[in-house]
C-alpha cells in the first residue's frame, strides 16, 4: 500500500521546476525583457546556481531561481522571484 504525500504550494514548485531548465528560462527572458543584451544571452553560458543563502543574522533565505550567465566579458546574475497568487 502506498500513500501519496500532499504537496504544498504545487504551483510555486511547478514554476520553479519549469524555470530550472535553461530553455524555459531563455524563452521567458526573450518574451518579457527588452534590450540589446537579450539576444546575446546563450543557453550554454547559463548556469543554474544553488539558491540557498545564509543572511548576516543567520536566517536562511531561498530564492526562486538564480542563474549565472556570461555575456561577452560580463558576468551577470539573474535573481528571479516568482510570486503566484492562487486566491484573492
Protein backbone atom coordinates (compact mmCIF):
# COMPACT_ATOMS: atom_id res chain seq x y z
CA UNK A 1 0.00 0.00 0.00
CA UNK A 2 1.36 3.45 -0.88
CA UNK A 3 0.38 6.83 0.41
CA UNK A 4 0.75 9.96 -1.64
CA UNK A 5 2.02 12.94 0.29
CA UNK A 6 0.17 16.22 -0.23
CA UNK A 7 2.31 18.79 -1.99
CA UNK A 8 2.30 22.28 -0.52
CA UNK A 9 2.46 25.21 -2.93
CA UNK A 10 2.14 22.99 -6.00
CA UNK A 11 2.04 25.99 -8.37
CA UNK A 12 5.19 27.56 -6.90
CA UNK A 13 7.06 24.28 -7.14
CA UNK A 14 5.84 23.67 -10.70
CA UNK A 15 7.08 27.07 -11.89
CA UNK A 16 10.39 26.65 -10.08
CA UNK A 17 10.82 23.30 -11.78
CA UNK A 18 9.90 24.77 -15.17
CA UNK A 19 12.33 27.70 -14.93
CA UNK A 20 15.08 25.40 -13.70
CA UNK A 21 15.55 24.39 -17.33
CA UNK A 22 17.67 26.85 -19.29
CA UNK A 23 15.41 26.55 -22.37
CA UNK A 24 12.35 27.73 -20.44
CA UNK A 25 14.34 30.48 -18.71
CA UNK A 26 15.67 31.78 -22.05
CA UNK A 27 12.18 31.72 -23.53
CA UNK A 28 10.90 33.70 -20.54
CA UNK A 29 13.66 36.30 -20.84
CA UNK A 30 13.23 36.65 -24.61
CA UNK A 31 9.46 37.06 -24.25
CA UNK A 32 9.28 39.56 -21.38
CA UNK A 33 12.53 41.53 -21.35
CA UNK A 34 13.64 44.01 -23.99
CA UNK A 35 17.21 45.06 -24.51
CA UNK A 36 20.16 44.63 -26.84
CA UNK A 37 21.81 42.22 -24.40
CA UNK A 38 18.89 39.73 -24.50
CA UNK A 39 19.91 38.44 -27.96
CA UNK A 40 23.45 37.87 -26.68
CA UNK A 41 22.31 35.51 -23.92
CA UNK A 42 23.29 31.93 -24.80
CA UNK A 43 21.98 28.70 -23.34
CA UNK A 44 25.43 27.14 -22.95
CA UNK A 45 26.58 30.14 -20.88
CA UNK A 46 23.75 29.88 -18.35
CA UNK A 47 24.46 28.10 -15.08
CA UNK A 48 21.70 27.34 -12.57
CA UNK A 49 23.08 28.33 -9.14
CA UNK A 50 22.44 26.76 -5.75
CA UNK A 51 19.85 29.09 -4.30
CA UNK A 52 20.12 28.75 -0.56
CA UNK A 53 21.78 31.60 1.33
CA UNK A 54 22.58 32.40 4.94
CA UNK A 55 21.94 36.05 5.80
CA UNK A 56 24.04 38.14 8.19
CA UNK A 57 21.55 37.48 11.01
CA UNK A 58 21.83 33.73 10.26
CA UNK A 59 18.34 33.50 8.83
CA UNK A 60 18.11 31.20 5.85
CA UNK A 61 16.83 32.54 2.55
CA UNK A 62 15.97 30.55 -0.54
CA UNK A 63 15.39 32.35 -3.80
CA UNK A 64 13.14 31.01 -6.51
CA UNK A 65 15.61 30.88 -9.40
CA UNK A 66 19.21 32.10 -9.74
CA UNK A 67 21.20 31.89 -12.96
CA UNK A 68 24.76 32.95 -13.57
CA UNK A 69 25.42 33.99 -17.19
CA UNK A 70 28.29 35.29 -19.24
CA UNK A 71 27.64 37.84 -21.96
CA UNK A 72 30.87 38.76 -23.70
CA UNK A 73 33.24 39.53 -20.85
CA UNK A 74 30.48 40.39 -18.38
CA UNK A 75 29.28 38.06 -15.64
CA UNK A 76 25.56 38.55 -14.97
CA UNK A 77 23.49 37.11 -12.12
CA UNK A 78 19.75 36.69 -12.66
CA UNK A 79 17.83 36.53 -9.39
CA UNK A 80 14.23 35.66 -10.22
CA UNK A 81 11.45 35.83 -7.65
CA UNK A 82 8.17 34.21 -8.64
CA UNK A 83 5.07 35.47 -6.85
CA UNK A 84 1.99 33.50 -7.72
CA UNK A 85 -1.40 34.24 -6.23
CA UNK A 86 -3.90 31.38 -6.38
CA UNK A 87 -6.64 33.12 -4.44
CA UNK A 88 -7.89 36.64 -3.85
